[in-house]
Protein backbone atom coordinates (compact mmCIF):
# COMPACT_ATOMS: atom_id res chain seq x y z
CA MET A 1 122.91 79.41 63.89
CA SER A 2 121.06 79.41 60.88
CA ASP A 3 117.84 81.13 62.89
CA PHE A 4 120.14 84.35 62.87
CA LYS A 5 120.07 86.19 59.73
CA HIS A 6 121.49 89.79 60.60
CA ILE A 7 124.12 90.03 63.01
CA THR A 8 125.99 93.08 64.45
CA ILE A 9 129.33 93.45 66.32
CA VAL A 10 129.83 95.99 68.48
CA GLY A 11 133.81 96.93 68.95
CA CYS A 12 135.58 95.09 66.26
CA GLY A 13 138.98 94.29 67.41
CA LEU A 14 140.70 91.33 68.00
CA VAL A 15 137.75 89.39 69.81
CA GLY A 16 134.87 90.64 67.39
CA GLY A 17 136.87 90.17 64.17
CA SER A 18 137.20 86.80 65.40
CA PHE A 19 134.04 86.15 65.97
CA ALA A 20 132.90 87.21 62.85
CA LEU A 21 135.55 85.01 61.14
CA ALA A 22 134.79 82.12 63.33
CA LEU A 23 131.14 82.44 62.07
CA ARG A 24 131.80 82.59 58.35
CA ARG A 25 134.01 79.57 58.84
CA ALA A 26 131.37 77.89 60.67
CA GLY A 27 128.96 78.86 57.71
CA PHE A 28 127.21 81.81 58.55
CA ALA A 29 125.30 83.48 55.38
CA GLY A 30 123.64 85.79 56.96
CA ARG A 31 124.37 89.49 57.05
CA LEU A 32 127.32 90.38 59.50
CA THR A 33 128.01 94.77 59.80
CA ALA A 34 129.83 96.08 62.50
CA CYS A 35 130.31 99.48 64.56
CA GLY A 36 131.56 101.46 67.39
CA GLY A 37 134.54 102.89 66.82
CA VAL A 38 136.31 104.15 63.62
CA ARG A 39 138.83 102.18 62.66
CA GLY A 40 137.69 98.64 63.54
CA PRO A 41 135.00 98.23 61.94
CA ARG A 42 136.35 100.41 58.45
CA LEU A 43 138.90 98.07 58.52
CA ALA A 44 136.43 94.89 59.45
CA VAL A 45 134.83 96.33 56.20
CA GLU A 46 137.87 96.67 53.97
CA ARG A 47 139.33 92.93 54.78
CA GLY A 48 135.82 91.72 53.79
CA ILE A 49 135.49 90.29 57.34
CA VAL A 50 131.60 91.87 57.79
CA ASP A 51 129.89 93.22 55.15
CA ALA A 52 129.08 96.48 56.18
CA LEU A 53 129.28 99.87 58.68
CA GLU A 54 126.24 99.48 60.64
CA GLY A 55 124.91 102.81 60.36
CA SER A 56 121.12 102.64 62.19
CA PHE A 57 122.26 103.59 65.80
CA GLU A 58 124.03 107.09 64.49
CA ARG A 59 120.42 107.70 62.40
CA GLY A 60 118.49 107.33 65.37
CA GLU A 61 116.67 104.01 63.79
CA VAL A 62 116.05 100.86 65.26
CA CYS A 63 118.46 97.93 64.49
CA GLN A 64 117.43 95.41 62.60
CA ALA A 65 119.76 92.71 63.64
CA ASP A 66 118.45 89.42 65.01
CA LEU A 67 122.21 88.98 67.43
CA LEU A 68 123.96 91.79 68.74
CA TYR A 69 127.22 90.72 69.67
CA LEU A 70 129.06 93.36 72.46
CA ALA A 71 132.85 92.96 71.87
CA ALA A 72 133.97 96.65 73.30
CA PRO A 73 135.79 96.77 76.41
CA ILE A 74 133.62 96.61 79.48
CA GLY A 75 132.94 100.60 79.79
CA GLY A 76 131.94 100.61 76.58
CA ILE A 77 129.62 97.67 76.36
CA ILE A 78 127.39 99.19 79.11
CA ASP A 79 127.59 102.56 77.50
CA PHE A 80 125.85 101.00 74.81
CA LEU A 81 123.00 99.19 76.69
CA ARG A 82 122.89 102.40 77.99
CA THR A 83 122.62 104.62 75.47
CA ARG A 84 121.30 102.19 72.39
CA GLY A 85 119.58 99.73 74.26
CA LYS A 86 116.23 101.17 72.76
CA GLN A 87 117.15 101.30 69.12
CA LEU A 88 117.20 96.96 69.43
CA LYS A 89 114.11 95.67 67.46
CA ALA A 90 111.73 92.89 69.80
CA GLY A 91 112.71 89.58 69.50
CA ALA A 92 116.61 90.13 69.02
CA LEU A 93 119.09 88.19 71.54
CA VAL A 94 121.97 90.60 72.78
CA THR A 95 125.17 89.11 74.23
CA ASP A 96 128.95 90.26 74.98
CA ALA A 97 132.31 89.07 75.53
CA GLY A 98 133.07 91.13 78.45
CA SER A 99 135.74 90.02 80.97
CA THR A 100 133.07 90.56 84.00
CA LYS A 101 129.56 89.82 84.33
CA VAL A 102 127.97 91.54 87.13
CA GLU A 103 127.82 95.24 86.16
CA ILE A 104 127.19 94.37 82.43
CA CYS A 105 124.40 91.66 83.38
CA ARG A 106 122.99 94.56 85.47
CA ALA A 107 123.42 97.15 82.94
CA ALA A 108 121.55 95.34 80.65
CA GLY A 109 118.11 94.21 83.02
CA GLU A 110 118.39 98.29 83.25
CA PHE A 111 118.57 99.60 79.92
CA LEU A 112 117.14 97.02 77.52
CA PRO A 113 113.39 97.22 76.57
CA GLU A 114 111.03 94.75 77.19
CA GLY A 115 111.50 91.90 74.79
CA VAL A 116 114.34 92.44 74.07
CA SER A 117 117.22 89.22 75.64
CA PHE A 118 120.16 89.75 76.80
CA ILE A 119 122.91 86.36 78.29
CA GLY A 120 126.22 87.27 78.85
CA GLY A 121 129.14 85.70 78.06
CA HIS A 122 133.02 85.41 77.78
CA PRO A 123 135.14 83.10 75.69
CA MET A 124 138.35 82.46 77.56
CA ALA A 125 140.05 83.24 74.80
CA GLY A 126 142.22 86.57 73.76
CA SER A 127 146.04 87.65 72.87
CA GLU A 128 147.47 90.73 75.09
CA GLN A 129 147.14 91.98 71.35
CA THR A 130 144.50 94.06 70.54
CA GLY A 131 143.37 94.99 66.97
CA ILE A 132 141.21 93.87 63.93
CA GLU A 133 144.59 92.97 62.49
CA TYR A 134 145.09 90.41 64.97
CA ALA A 135 142.18 89.32 64.29
CA ARG A 136 141.93 85.01 63.30
CA ALA A 137 138.94 82.52 62.89
CA ASP A 138 140.36 79.88 65.51
CA LEU A 139 140.59 81.96 68.01
CA PHE A 140 137.99 80.45 70.53
CA ASP A 141 138.46 76.83 69.14
CA ARG A 142 138.38 74.77 71.72
CA ALA A 143 138.21 77.32 74.19
CA ILE A 144 135.90 77.44 76.98
CA TYR A 145 132.96 79.86 76.68
CA ALA A 146 131.20 81.05 79.76
CA ILE A 147 127.65 82.04 79.44
CA ALA A 148 126.20 83.79 82.47
CA VAL A 149 122.67 82.79 83.60
CA GLU A 150 120.46 84.59 85.22
CA GLN A 151 116.76 84.06 86.80
CA ARG A 152 115.40 85.64 84.32
CA THR A 153 117.17 83.96 80.91
CA ASP A 154 114.88 83.07 78.17
CA ALA A 155 115.46 79.49 78.22
CA SER A 156 114.59 79.44 74.07
CA GLN A 157 117.30 82.42 73.82
CA LEU A 158 120.03 79.98 75.86
CA VAL A 159 119.49 77.47 73.42
CA ARG A 160 120.32 80.01 70.65
CA LEU A 161 123.34 81.07 71.99
CA LYS A 162 125.21 77.43 72.94
CA SER A 163 124.24 76.13 69.47
CA LEU A 164 125.90 79.38 68.53
CA VAL A 165 129.15 79.26 70.49
CA GLU A 166 129.56 75.10 69.90
CA ALA A 167 129.44 76.67 66.15
CA ILE A 168 132.64 78.21 66.37
CA GLN A 169 134.24 75.49 67.95
CA ALA A 170 134.00 76.81 71.49
CA ARG A 171 133.11 75.11 74.66
CA PRO A 172 130.32 76.69 76.38
CA LEU A 173 129.88 76.46 80.38
CA ILE A 174 126.94 77.77 82.37
CA THR A 175 127.63 80.00 85.61
CA ALA A 176 126.05 82.43 87.53
CA PRO A 177 127.25 86.08 87.13
CA GLU A 178 129.06 86.13 90.55
CA GLU A 179 130.55 83.11 90.38
CA HIS A 180 132.11 84.02 87.19
CA ASP A 181 133.35 87.25 88.18
CA ALA A 182 134.78 85.39 91.46
CA ALA A 183 136.22 82.65 89.58
CA VAL A 184 137.73 84.72 86.65
CA ALA A 185 139.29 87.03 89.22
CA LEU A 186 141.61 83.70 90.04
CA VAL A 187 142.72 82.10 87.03
CA SER A 188 142.41 85.42 84.99
CA HIS A 189 142.44 89.06 86.74
CA LEU A 190 145.37 87.77 89.06
CA PRO A 191 148.02 86.42 86.82
CA GLN A 192 147.41 90.07 84.70
CA LEU A 193 148.32 91.33 87.76
CA VAL A 194 150.98 89.13 88.52
CA SER A 195 152.59 89.75 84.85
CA SER A 196 152.62 93.49 85.26
CA ALA A 197 154.06 93.17 88.85
CA LEU A 198 157.17 90.94 87.85
CA ALA A 199 157.93 93.54 84.67
CA ALA A 200 157.32 96.13 87.18
CA THR A 201 160.28 94.73 89.26
CA LEU A 202 163.12 95.46 86.75
CA ASN A 203 162.18 99.49 87.33
CA ALA A 204 161.52 98.89 91.10
CA GLY A 205 164.19 102.06 91.95
CA PRO A 206 165.91 102.13 94.86
CA GLN A 207 164.34 98.46 95.88
CA VAL A 208 166.57 97.26 93.92
CA GLU A 209 169.64 99.32 94.23
CA THR A 210 171.88 96.43 95.17
CA MET A 211 171.20 94.51 92.22
CA ASN A 212 172.53 94.86 88.75
CA LYS A 213 169.12 95.76 86.71
CA GLU A 214 171.28 96.13 83.40
CA LEU A 215 172.63 92.60 84.01
CA ALA A 216 169.20 91.17 85.02
CA ARG A 217 167.65 92.78 81.52
CA ARG A 218 170.44 90.39 79.60
CA LEU A 219 169.99 87.20 81.56
CA ALA A 220 166.04 87.18 80.87
CA ALA A 221 165.57 84.25 79.10
CA SER A 222 161.87 82.13 78.43
CA GLY A 223 161.21 81.78 82.33
CA TRP A 224 160.75 85.62 82.60
CA ARG A 225 159.53 85.87 78.90
CA ASP A 226 156.45 83.59 79.93
CA MET A 227 155.50 85.30 83.10
CA THR A 228 155.38 88.63 81.56
CA ARG A 229 153.59 88.04 78.23
CA LEU A 230 150.96 89.45 79.45
CA ALA A 231 152.37 92.61 81.16
CA GLY A 232 151.55 93.87 77.43
CA SER A 233 147.83 93.82 77.48
CA SER A 234 146.31 96.92 76.99
CA TRP A 235 145.62 99.37 80.24
CA SER A 236 142.22 100.78 78.39
CA VAL A 237 140.96 97.69 78.50
CA TRP A 238 142.38 96.09 81.94
CA ARG A 239 141.18 99.64 83.86
CA ASP A 240 137.03 98.01 83.56
CA ILE A 241 138.04 94.51 84.34
CA LEU A 242 139.44 95.89 87.88
CA LEU A 243 137.03 98.42 87.87
CA THR A 244 133.92 96.21 87.53
CA ASN A 245 135.72 93.47 89.66
CA GLN A 246 137.40 94.90 92.28
CA PRO A 247 136.26 93.05 95.54
CA ASN A 248 137.27 89.24 93.96
CA VAL A 249 140.63 90.94 92.30
CA THR A 250 141.52 92.06 96.00
CA ALA A 251 140.52 89.19 97.58
CA ALA A 252 142.18 86.78 94.83
CA LEU A 253 145.29 89.43 95.27
CA ARG A 254 145.22 88.87 99.27
CA LEU A 255 145.45 84.97 98.71
CA LEU A 256 148.62 84.93 96.38
CA ILE A 257 150.51 87.28 99.23
CA ALA A 258 149.63 84.90 101.88
CA GLN A 259 151.76 82.06 100.07
CA LEU A 260 154.28 84.72 99.28
CA GLN A 261 154.71 85.99 102.52
CA VAL A 262 154.99 82.16 103.60
CA LEU A 263 157.48 81.47 100.60
CA GLN A 264 159.50 84.25 102.01
CA GLU A 265 159.19 83.50 105.68
CA ALA A 266 160.48 80.02 105.03
CA LEU A 267 163.15 81.45 102.85
CA GLU A 268 164.73 83.76 105.72
CA ALA A 269 164.83 80.30 107.98
CA ARG A 270 166.10 78.68 105.57
CA ASP A 271 163.24 76.06 105.89
CA LEU A 272 163.36 74.46 102.59
CA ASN A 273 160.76 71.61 103.35
CA ARG A 274 158.12 74.67 103.66
CA VAL A 275 159.19 75.53 99.80
CA ARG A 276 159.24 71.63 99.04
CA GLU A 277 156.06 71.66 100.36
CA LEU A 278 154.64 74.86 97.83
CA PHE A 279 156.20 73.00 94.96
CA VAL A 280 154.69 69.67 95.89
CA THR A 281 151.03 71.22 96.08
CA ALA A 282 152.03 73.68 92.31
CA HIS A 283 152.69 70.54 91.04
CA ARG A 284 149.44 68.64 91.76
CA VAL A 285 147.51 71.39 91.17
CA VAL A 286 149.15 71.76 87.56
CA ALA A 287 148.76 67.86 86.77
CA GLU A 288 144.94 68.41 87.83
CA GLN A 289 144.23 70.94 85.47
CA ARG A 290 146.37 69.35 82.49
CA ASN A 291 144.33 66.79 83.15
CA LEU A 292 141.15 68.64 83.04
CA HIS A 293 141.81 70.05 80.29
CA TYR A 294 142.89 66.81 78.36
CA GLN A 295 139.40 65.57 79.25
CA ASN A 296 137.68 68.53 77.95
CA PHE A 297 139.87 68.14 74.71
CA GLU A 298 139.05 64.39 74.15
CA LYS A 299 134.66 65.23 74.41
CA LEU A 300 134.93 67.43 71.76
């Protein structure tokens, strides 16, 4: 991390702000600047999260940052690569925190000039809350941090990025952009849609006329709250995610609908053995995932 003297964060919200705080906690003593939007970067400066606003792009100058961390929504990341890519200095490393990788990596390959390296990233950490005011230094602690490697990826820059990810206490996981997008559709994007759909079911209109929705709201307890926590997530963020990963998300939804169809048919037939099989399978998967989490935790 010491070979980065100047880091610029583009999009200073929850993730960008947390990245800055994690860098400082890890001992980064270089210059930290921020841009992208108005409120986030200014608050980051006021709260001492970064040193200053990055004004080079607006002035039409070459940005002198050694590392650019793109933490805007996906559409903003792609737009930055398209409109500001030519203003990056030779030798700079660009990475991002976008939730999908294929379209971002494609844009980087198209718009970044020769001599500027790009390696896509995606920290598997976050919150339904957004904004610099929710930033915290431990957001990435022990979190898997996907690094999207392509054929053109510079090996020496990959070493630098991995070292940086480890410095902020995250766990780098190398993957290809296509494989990443297919995987997160199942374990990240699908849960968001399930949470939103479940919450919206309480307002489903004629479909639930025979049910007492007001009573249901009063009886909703920790199970419903846990399942619908993600429903508070920002549509402005998720719009770009779904737009850039639509085929994979559609495939994941198809798998879930098939499971729900099996469950519905089993209950209609009062075939509790089939329902029990679903529970048994689910318990096994959760146990396996929990063991994997503990194994990764012990490696740190």
